[in-house]
Amino acid sequence: MSDTDSFIDEVTEEVRRDRLFGYMRRYGWIAVLAILLLVGGAAWNEWQKAQKRNAAEALGDQIVAALALEERGARAEALTKIDATEPSAQAVLDLLAASEAAGETPEDAAKRLMTLAEREGTDPVYRQIATLKAVALPDSGLDVETRRTLMNGLGLSGGLVRLLAEEQLALIDLETGDKDAALERMMQIAADAEATAGLRRRATQVIVALGAEPPELPRLDQPGASVSE
């Protein structure tokens, strides 16, 4: 019985091998195709990463070369000529070019900034920065009501953007002769827990210049004091 059992086991194993080889001959191409797809997909992914990395490095080199020029006008022109495929990269280029052009042609700089702020696909943070910089530019060509409307819109945002917009609104109040409104805004900014040290310092300077006393702020070691203060 043991020899018979052994013979049966061998035959069974051979049948299994034959079936396995048959399956491999019939369906093996599927496994090969799957392996090729996996390897090809990984290679394509790495190639795309390398392309993006090379493009970013090339863009960085162009920006550095443009900023190394001696004259601001030349730097602004060089930055304008750089092509960027990514919206965020283009936004950074526009901000840099506007900053370089602001000293000589503030109206052109403001137009560039507003174009960036209104461009579809631009990240909201770049829109906000561009709008703030355009309104803050002296001799931007933007009238008072336009600047006020833009800042009122940003004032609806939260955090630091809201406070920076309030600062610009206070400066517009001063420009139009409404010192009481400007003082009230600056007092609120100086007392706001979300105000940065620099923003609070600027607000305090305006308050003192207007002949008022800045609000007293809680010390950090006092109960309930905010760390951000």
C-alpha atoms as a PDB file:
ATOM      1  CA  MET A   1       0.000   0.000   0.000  1.00  0.00           C
ATOM      2  CA  SER A   2       2.867   2.365   0.720  1.00  0.00           C
ATOM      3  CA  ASP A   3       4.306   1.911  -2.816  1.00  0.00           C
ATOM      4  CA  THR A   4       0.860   2.457  -4.283  1.00  0.00           C
ATOM      5  CA  ASP A   5       0.338   5.585  -2.200  1.00  0.00           C
ATOM      6  CA  SER A   6       3.733   6.902  -3.236  1.00  0.00           C
ATOM      7  CA  PHE A   7       2.976   6.264  -6.905  1.00  0.00           C
ATOM      8  CA  ILE A   8      -0.367   8.041  -6.610  1.00  0.00           C
ATOM      9  CA  ASP A   9       1.292  11.035  -4.934  1.00  0.00           C
ATOM     10  CA  GLU A  10       3.877  11.274  -7.714  1.00  0.00           C
ATOM     11  CA  VAL A  11       1.213  11.111 -10.388  1.00  0.00           C
ATOM     12  CA  THR A  12      -0.843  13.730  -8.581  1.00  0.00           C
ATOM     13  CA  GLU A  13       2.197  16.019  -8.310  1.00  0.00           C
ATOM     14  CA  GLU A  14       2.931  15.617 -12.023  1.00  0.00           C
ATOM     15  CA  VAL A  15      -0.665  16.478 -12.854  1.00  0.00           C
ATOM     16  CA  ARG A  16      -0.405  19.570 -10.711  1.00  0.00           C
ATOM     17  CA  ARG A  17       2.806  20.598 -12.459  1.00  0.00           C
ATOM     18  CA  ASP A  18       1.243  20.067 -15.854  1.00  0.00           C
ATOM     19  CA  ARG A  19      -1.756  22.177 -14.857  1.00  0.00           C
ATOM     20  CA  LEU A  20       0.524  24.911 -13.447  1.00  0.00           C
ATOM     21  CA  PHE A  21       2.621  25.049 -16.614  1.00  0.00           C
ATOM     22  CA  GLY A  22      -0.557  25.060 -18.651  1.00  0.00           C
ATOM     23  CA  TYR A  23      -1.903  28.006 -16.691  1.00  0.00           C
ATOM     24  CA  MET A  24       1.419  29.795 -17.047  1.00  0.00           C
ATOM     25  CA  ARG A  25       1.466  29.241 -20.802  1.00  0.00           C
ATOM     26  CA  ARG A  26      -2.121  30.388 -21.101  1.00  0.00           C
ATOM     27  CA  TYR A  27      -2.172  33.319 -18.638  1.00  0.00           C
ATOM     28  CA  GLY A  28       1.489  34.080 -18.032  1.00  0.00           C
ATOM     29  CA  TRP A  29       1.374  37.083 -20.386  1.00  0.00           C
ATOM     30  CA  ILE A  30      -0.997  38.778 -17.926  1.00  0.00           C
ATOM     31  CA  ALA A  31       1.588  38.590 -15.140  1.00  0.00           C
ATOM     32  CA  VAL A  32       4.314  39.830 -17.507  1.00  0.00           C
ATOM     33  CA  LEU A  33       2.106  42.710 -18.623  1.00  0.00           C
ATOM     34  CA  ALA A  34       1.327  43.629 -15.014  1.00  0.00           C
ATOM     35  CA  ILE A  35       5.033  43.680 -14.152  1.00  0.00           C
ATOM     36  CA  LEU A  36       5.785  45.824 -17.200  1.00  0.00           C
ATOM     37  CA  LEU A  37       3.036  48.258 -16.264  1.00  0.00           C
ATOM     38  CA  LEU A  38       4.314  48.551 -12.709  1.00  0.00           C
ATOM     39  CA  VAL A  39       7.909  49.086 -13.797  1.00  0.00           C
ATOM     40  CA  GLY A  40       6.862  51.492 -16.553  1.00  0.00           C
ATOM     41  CA  GLY A  41       4.635  53.472 -14.195  1.00  0.00           C
ATOM     42  CA  ALA A  42       7.413  53.818 -11.641  1.00  0.00           C
ATOM     43  CA  ALA A  43       9.868  54.914 -14.335  1.00  0.00           C
ATOM     44  CA  TRP A  44       7.369  57.466 -15.707  1.00  0.00           C
ATOM     45  CA  ASN A  45       6.761  58.840 -12.223  1.00  0.00           C
ATOM     46  CA  GLU A  46      10.482  59.243 -11.578  1.00  0.00           C
ATOM     47  CA  TRP A  47      10.937  60.905 -14.969  1.00  0.00           C
ATOM     48  CA  GLN A  48       8.177  63.396 -14.220  1.00  0.00           C
ATOM     49  CA  LYS A  49       9.738  64.191 -10.835  1.00  0.00           C
ATOM     50  CA  ALA A  50      13.097  64.748 -12.498  1.00  0.00           C
ATOM     51  CA  GLN A  51      11.524  67.022 -15.111  1.00  0.00           C
ATOM     52  CA  LYS A  52       9.804  69.120 -12.453  1.00  0.00           C
ATOM     53  CA  ARG A  53      12.984  69.304 -10.401  1.00  0.00           C
ATOM     54  CA  ASN A  54      15.017  70.409 -13.417  1.00  0.00           C
ATOM     55  CA  ALA A  55      12.395  73.002 -14.356  1.00  0.00           C
ATOM     56  CA  ALA A  56      12.361  74.397 -10.814  1.00  0.00           C
ATOM     57  CA  GLU A  57      16.153  74.614 -10.757  1.00  0.00           C
ATOM     58  CA  ALA A  58      16.216  76.357 -14.135  1.00  0.00           C
ATOM     59  CA  LEU A  59      13.567  78.837 -12.989  1.00  0.00           C
ATOM     60  CA  GLY A  60      15.514  79.536  -9.807  1.00  0.00           C
ATOM     61  CA  ASP A  61      18.694  80.173 -11.808  1.00  0.00           C
ATOM     62  CA  GLN A  62      16.843  82.625 -14.064  1.00  0.00           C
ATOM     63  CA  ILE A  63      15.414  84.514 -11.070  1.00  0.00           C
ATOM     64  CA  VAL A  64      18.818  84.734  -9.386  1.00  0.00           C
ATOM     65  CA  ALA A  65      20.394  86.006 -12.619  1.00  0.00           C
ATOM     66  CA  ALA A  66      17.650  88.639 -13.033  1.00  0.00           C
ATOM     67  CA  LEU A  67      17.966  89.873  -9.455  1.00  0.00           C
ATOM     68  CA  ALA A  68      21.753  90.130  -9.849  1.00  0.00           C
ATOM     69  CA  LEU A  69      21.402  92.975 -12.380  1.00  0.00           C
ATOM     70  CA  GLU A  70      22.412  96.397 -11.083  1.00  0.00           C
ATOM     71  CA  GLU A  71      19.458  98.583 -12.150  1.00  0.00           C
ATOM     72  CA  ARG A  72      15.971  98.032 -10.777  1.00  0.00           C
ATOM     73  CA  GLY A  73      14.382  98.653 -14.157  1.00  0.00           C
ATOM     74  CA  ALA A  74      16.588  96.024 -15.744  1.00  0.00           C
ATOM     75  CA  ARG A  75      15.748  93.573 -12.963  1.00  0.00           C
ATOM     76  CA  ALA A  76      12.018  94.169 -13.445  1.00  0.00           C
ATOM     77  CA  GLU A  77      12.301  93.707 -17.215  1.00  0.00           C
ATOM     78  CA  ALA A  78      14.348  90.532 -16.847  1.00  0.00           C
ATOM     79  CA  LEU A  79      11.850  89.069 -14.391  1.00  0.00           C
ATOM     80  CA  THR A  80       9.010  89.913 -16.785  1.00  0.00           C
ATOM     81  CA  LYS A  81      10.650  87.926 -19.572  1.00  0.00           C
ATOM     82  CA  ILE A  82      10.904  84.736 -17.513  1.00  0.00           C
ATOM     83  CA  ASP A  83       8.280  82.141 -18.422  1.00  0.00           C
ATOM     84  CA  ALA A  84       6.727  80.029 -15.679  1.00  0.00           C
ATOM     85  CA  THR A  85       4.283  77.213 -16.317  1.00  0.00           C
ATOM     86  CA  GLU A  86       3.036  76.905 -12.742  1.00  0.00           C
ATOM     87  CA  PRO A  87       0.542  79.550 -11.522  1.00  0.00           C
ATOM     88  CA  SER A  88       2.301  79.845  -8.165  1.00  0.00           C
ATOM     89  CA  ALA A  89       5.694  80.376  -9.806  1.00  0.00           C
ATOM     90  CA  GLN A  90       4.207  83.003 -12.112  1.00  0.00           C
ATOM     91  CA  ALA A  91       2.651  84.756  -9.115  1.00  0.00           C
ATOM     92  CA  VAL A  92       6.043  84.933  -7.387  1.00  0.00           C
ATOM     93  CA  LEU A  93       7.612  86.341 -10.560  1.00  0.00           C
ATOM     94  CA  ASP A  94       4.911  89.001 -10.812  1.00  0.00           C
ATOM     95  CA  LEU A  95       5.362  89.995  -7.166  1.00  0.00           C
ATOM     96  CA  LEU A  96       9.132  90.270  -7.598  1.00  0.00           C
ATOM     97  CA  ALA A  97       8.827  92.252 -10.839  1.00  0.00           C
ATOM     98  CA  ALA A  98       6.290  94.624  -9.261  1.00  0.00           C
ATOM     99  CA  SER A  99       8.585  95.197  -6.280  1.00  0.00           C
ATOM    100  CA  GLU A 100      11.460  96.093  -8.591  1.00  0.00           C
ATOM    101  CA  ALA A 101       9.292  98.410 -10.719  1.00  0.00           C
ATOM    102  CA  ALA A 102       7.617 100.130  -7.760  1.00  0.00           C
ATOM    103  CA  GLY A 103      10.410 102.646  -7.237  1.00  0.00           C
ATOM    104  CA  GLU A 104      10.446 103.980 -10.813  1.00  0.00           C
ATOM    105  CA  THR A 105       6.997 103.215 -12.249  1.00  0.00           C
ATOM    106  CA  PRO A 106       4.585 102.699  -9.335  1.00  0.00           C
ATOM    107  CA  GLU A 107       1.509 102.842 -11.568  1.00  0.00           C
ATOM    108  CA  ASP A 108       2.822 100.018 -13.756  1.00  0.00           C
ATOM    109  CA  ALA A 109       3.702  98.057 -10.630  1.00  0.00           C
ATOM    110  CA  ALA A 110       0.187  98.541  -9.247  1.00  0.00           C
ATOM    111  CA  LYS A 111      -1.355  97.413 -12.547  1.00  0.00           C
ATOM    112  CA  ARG A 112       0.796  94.300 -12.531  1.00  0.00           C
ATOM    113  CA  LEU A 113      -0.231  93.540  -8.957  1.00  0.00           C
ATOM    114  CA  MET A 114      -3.929  94.032  -9.671  1.00  0.00           C
ATOM    115  CA  THR A 115      -3.665  91.836 -12.760  1.00  0.00           C
ATOM    116  CA  LEU A 116      -2.173  89.140 -10.560  1.00  0.00           C
ATOM    117  CA  ALA A 117      -4.903  89.598  -7.951  1.00  0.00           C
ATOM    118  CA  GLU A 118      -7.630  89.181 -10.596  1.00  0.00           C
ATOM    119  CA  ARG A 119      -6.033  86.301 -12.496  1.00  0.00           C
ATOM    120  CA  GLU A 120      -7.954  83.038 -12.538  1.00  0.00           C
ATOM    121  CA  GLY A 121      -6.154  80.101 -10.949  1.00  0.00           C
ATOM    122  CA  THR A 122      -3.988  82.231  -8.657  1.00  0.00           C
ATOM    123  CA  ASP A 123      -3.718  80.983  -5.085  1.00  0.00           C
ATOM    124  CA  PRO A 124      -5.740  83.177  -2.682  1.00  0.00           C
ATOM    125  CA  VAL A 125      -2.672  84.039  -0.611  1.00  0.00           C
ATOM    126  CA  TYR A 126      -0.983  85.578  -3.659  1.00  0.00           C
ATOM    127  CA  ARG A 127      -4.173  87.483  -4.490  1.00  0.00           C
ATOM    128  CA  GLN A 128      -4.217  88.952  -1.000  1.00  0.00           C
ATOM    129  CA  ILE A 129      -0.533  89.885  -1.045  1.00  0.00           C
ATOM    130  CA  ALA A 130      -0.834  91.508  -4.465  1.00  0.00           C
ATOM    131  CA  THR A 131      -3.891  93.532  -3.422  1.00  0.00           C
ATOM    132  CA  LEU A 132      -2.258  94.734  -0.216  1.00  0.00           C
ATOM    133  CA  LYS A 133       0.944  95.732  -2.015  1.00  0.00           C
ATOM    134  CA  ALA A 134      -0.957  97.569  -4.758  1.00  0.00           C
ATOM    135  CA  VAL A 135      -2.986  99.608  -2.256  1.00  0.00           C
ATOM    136  CA  ALA A 136       0.098 100.364  -0.125  1.00  0.00           C
ATOM    137  CA  LEU A 137       2.098 101.683  -3.086  1.00  0.00           C
ATOM    138  CA  PRO A 138       2.484 105.480  -3.096  1.00  0.00           C
ATOM    139  CA  ASP A 139       1.433 107.079  -6.399  1.00  0.00           C
ATOM    140  CA  SER A 140      -0.178 103.822  -7.499  1.00  0.00           C
ATOM    141  CA  GLY A 141      -2.826 105.607  -9.537  1.00  0.00           C
ATOM    142  CA  LEU A 142      -5.600 103.882  -7.592  1.00  0.00           C
ATOM    143  CA  ASP A 143      -8.195 106.338  -6.331  1.00  0.00           C
ATOM    144  CA  VAL A 144      -9.260 106.508  -2.702  1.00  0.00           C
ATOM    145  CA  GLU A 145     -12.590 104.750  -3.144  1.00  0.00           C
ATOM    146  CA  THR A 146     -11.040 101.897  -5.099  1.00  0.00           C
ATOM    147  CA  ARG A 147      -8.423 101.373  -2.402  1.00  0.00           C
ATOM    148  CA  ARG A 148     -11.028 101.546   0.326  1.00  0.00           C
ATOM    149  CA  THR A 149     -13.246  99.016  -1.455  1.00  0.00           C
ATOM    150  CA  LEU A 150     -10.334  96.624  -1.942  1.00  0.00           C
ATOM    151  CA  MET A 151      -9.333  96.847   1.715  1.00  0.00           C
ATOM    152  CA  ASN A 152     -12.894  96.437   2.933  1.00  0.00           C
ATOM    153  CA  GLY A 153     -12.996  93.207   0.924  1.00  0.00           C
ATOM    154  CA  LEU A 154      -9.769  91.940   2.477  1.00  0.00           C
ATOM    155  CA  GLY A 155     -11.034  93.020   5.886  1.00  0.00           C
ATOM    156  CA  LEU A 156     -13.555  90.201   5.700  1.00  0.00           C
ATOM    157  CA  SER A 157     -10.685  87.706   5.766  1.00  0.00           C
ATOM    158  CA  GLY A 158      -9.376  86.360   9.027  1.00  0.00           C
ATOM    159  CA  GLY A 159      -6.058  86.552  10.796  1.00  0.00           C
ATOM    160  CA  LEU A 160      -3.231  88.857   9.823  1.00  0.00           C
ATOM    161  CA  VAL A 161      -4.711  89.780   6.431  1.00  0.00           C
ATOM    162  CA  ARG A 162      -7.674  91.393   8.177  1.00  0.00           C
ATOM    163  CA  LEU A 163      -5.388  93.480  10.389  1.00  0.00           C
ATOM    164  CA  LEU A 164      -3.164  94.560   7.513  1.00  0.00           C
ATOM    165  CA  ALA A 165      -6.263  95.645   5.616  1.00  0.00           C
ATOM    166  CA  GLU A 166      -7.424  97.595   8.684  1.00  0.00           C
ATOM    167  CA  GLU A 167      -4.019  99.301   8.810  1.00  0.00           C
ATOM    168  CA  GLN A 168      -4.376 100.442   5.206  1.00  0.00           C
ATOM    169  CA  LEU A 169      -7.915 101.635   5.887  1.00  0.00           C
ATOM    170  CA  ALA A 170      -6.619 103.686   8.808  1.00  0.00           C
ATOM    171  CA  LEU A 171      -4.004 105.266   6.547  1.00  0.00           C
ATOM    172  CA  ILE A 172      -6.719 106.039   4.000  1.00  0.00           C
ATOM    173  CA  ASP A 173      -8.734 107.685   6.796  1.00  0.00           C
ATOM    174  CA  LEU A 174      -5.713 109.855   7.598  1.00  0.00           C
ATOM    175  CA  GLU A 175      -5.287 110.693   3.921  1.00  0.00           C
ATOM    176  CA  THR A 176      -8.881 111.878   3.697  1.00  0.00           C
ATOM    177  CA  GLY A 177      -8.655 113.856   6.953  1.00  0.00           C
ATOM    178  CA  ASP A 178     -10.723 111.549   9.175  1.00  0.00           C
ATOM    179  CA  LYS A 179      -8.281 111.383  12.108  1.00  0.00           C
ATOM    180  CA  ASP A 180     -10.855 110.047  14.583  1.00  0.00           C
ATOM    181  CA  ALA A 181     -11.628 107.028  12.394  1.00  0.00           C
ATOM    182  CA  ALA A 182      -7.917 106.419  11.813  1.00  0.00           C
ATOM    183  CA  LEU A 183      -7.178 106.610  15.539  1.00  0.00           C
ATOM    184  CA  GLU A 184      -9.986 104.195  16.366  1.00  0.00           C
ATOM    185  CA  ARG A 185      -8.746 101.657  13.824  1.00  0.00           C
ATOM    186  CA  MET A 186      -5.160 101.915  15.053  1.00  0.00           C
ATOM    187  CA  MET A 187      -6.247 101.497  18.671  1.00  0.00           C
ATOM    188  CA  GLN A 188      -8.127  98.330  17.723  1.00  0.00           C
ATOM    189  CA  ILE A 189      -5.114  96.994  15.824  1.00  0.00           C
ATOM    190  CA  ALA A 190      -2.729  97.686  18.710  1.00  0.00           C
ATOM    191  CA  ALA A 191      -5.036  95.877  21.144  1.00  0.00           C
ATOM    192  CA  ASP A 192      -5.743  92.911  18.856  1.00  0.00           C
ATOM    193  CA  ALA A 193      -4.233  89.631  20.087  1.00  0.00           C
ATOM    194  CA  GLU A 194      -3.533  88.518  16.504  1.00  0.00           C
ATOM    195  CA  ALA A 195      -1.387  91.567  15.681  1.00  0.00           C
ATOM    196  CA  THR A 196       2.296  90.892  15.131  1.00  0.00           C
ATOM    197  CA  ALA A 197       4.957  92.864  16.988  1.00  0.00           C
ATOM    198  CA  GLY A 198       5.801  94.863  13.870  1.00  0.00           C
ATOM    199  CA  LEU A 199       2.190  95.717  13.106  1.00  0.00           C
ATOM    200  CA  ARG A 200       1.497  96.674  16.720  1.00  0.00           C
ATOM    201  CA  ARG A 201       4.608  98.880  16.717  1.00  0.00           C
ATOM    202  CA  ARG A 202       3.481 100.717  13.570  1.00  0.00           C
ATOM    203  CA  ALA A 203      -0.009 101.211  14.987  1.00  0.00           C
ATOM    204  CA  THR A 204       1.442 102.541  18.248  1.00  0.00           C
ATOM    205  CA  GLN A 205       3.621 105.029  16.371  1.00  0.00           C
ATOM    206  CA  VAL A 206       0.595 106.412  14.529  1.00  0.00           C
ATOM    207  CA  ILE A 207      -1.400 106.607  17.767  1.00  0.00           C
ATOM    208  CA  VAL A 208       1.364 108.591  19.470  1.00  0.00           C
ATOM    209  CA  ALA A 209       1.747 110.831  16.405  1.00  0.00           C
ATOM    210  CA  LEU A 210      -1.973 111.604  16.640  1.00  0.00           C
ATOM    211  CA  GLY A 211      -1.482 112.708  20.236  1.00  0.00           C
ATOM    212  CA  ALA A 212      -3.178 109.764  21.973  1.00  0.00           C
ATOM    213  CA  GLU A 213      -1.999 107.133  24.414  1.00  0.00           C
ATOM    214  CA  PRO A 214      -1.688 103.578  23.032  1.00  0.00           C
ATOM    215  CA  PRO A 215      -3.744 100.916  24.802  1.00  0.00           C
ATOM    216  CA  GLU A 216      -2.100  98.988  27.610  1.00  0.00           C
ATOM    217  CA  LEU A 217      -1.489  95.389  26.701  1.00  0.00           C
ATOM    218  CA  PRO A 218      -1.526  92.488  29.180  1.00  0.00           C
ATOM    219  CA  ARG A 219       1.878  91.140  30.145  1.00  0.00           C
ATOM    220  CA  LEU A 220       2.731  87.581  29.164  1.00  0.00           C
ATOM    221  CA  ASP A 221       3.044  86.528  32.814  1.00  0.00           C
ATOM    222  CA  GLN A 222      -0.492  87.696  33.597  1.00  0.00           C
ATOM    223  CA  PRO A 223      -3.315  85.118  33.684  1.00  0.00           C
ATOM    224  CA  GLY A 224      -5.200  84.974  30.398  1.00  0.00           C
ATOM    225  CA  ALA A 225      -2.504  86.805  28.424  1.00  0.00           C
ATOM    226  CA  SER A 226      -2.116  85.637  24.849  1.00  0.00           C
ATOM    227  CA  VAL A 227       1.246  84.274  23.762  1.00  0.00           C
ATOM    228  CA  SER A 228       0.856  85.990  20.402  1.00  0.00           C
ATOM    229  CA  GLU A 229       0.995  89.351  22.120  1.00  0.00           C
END
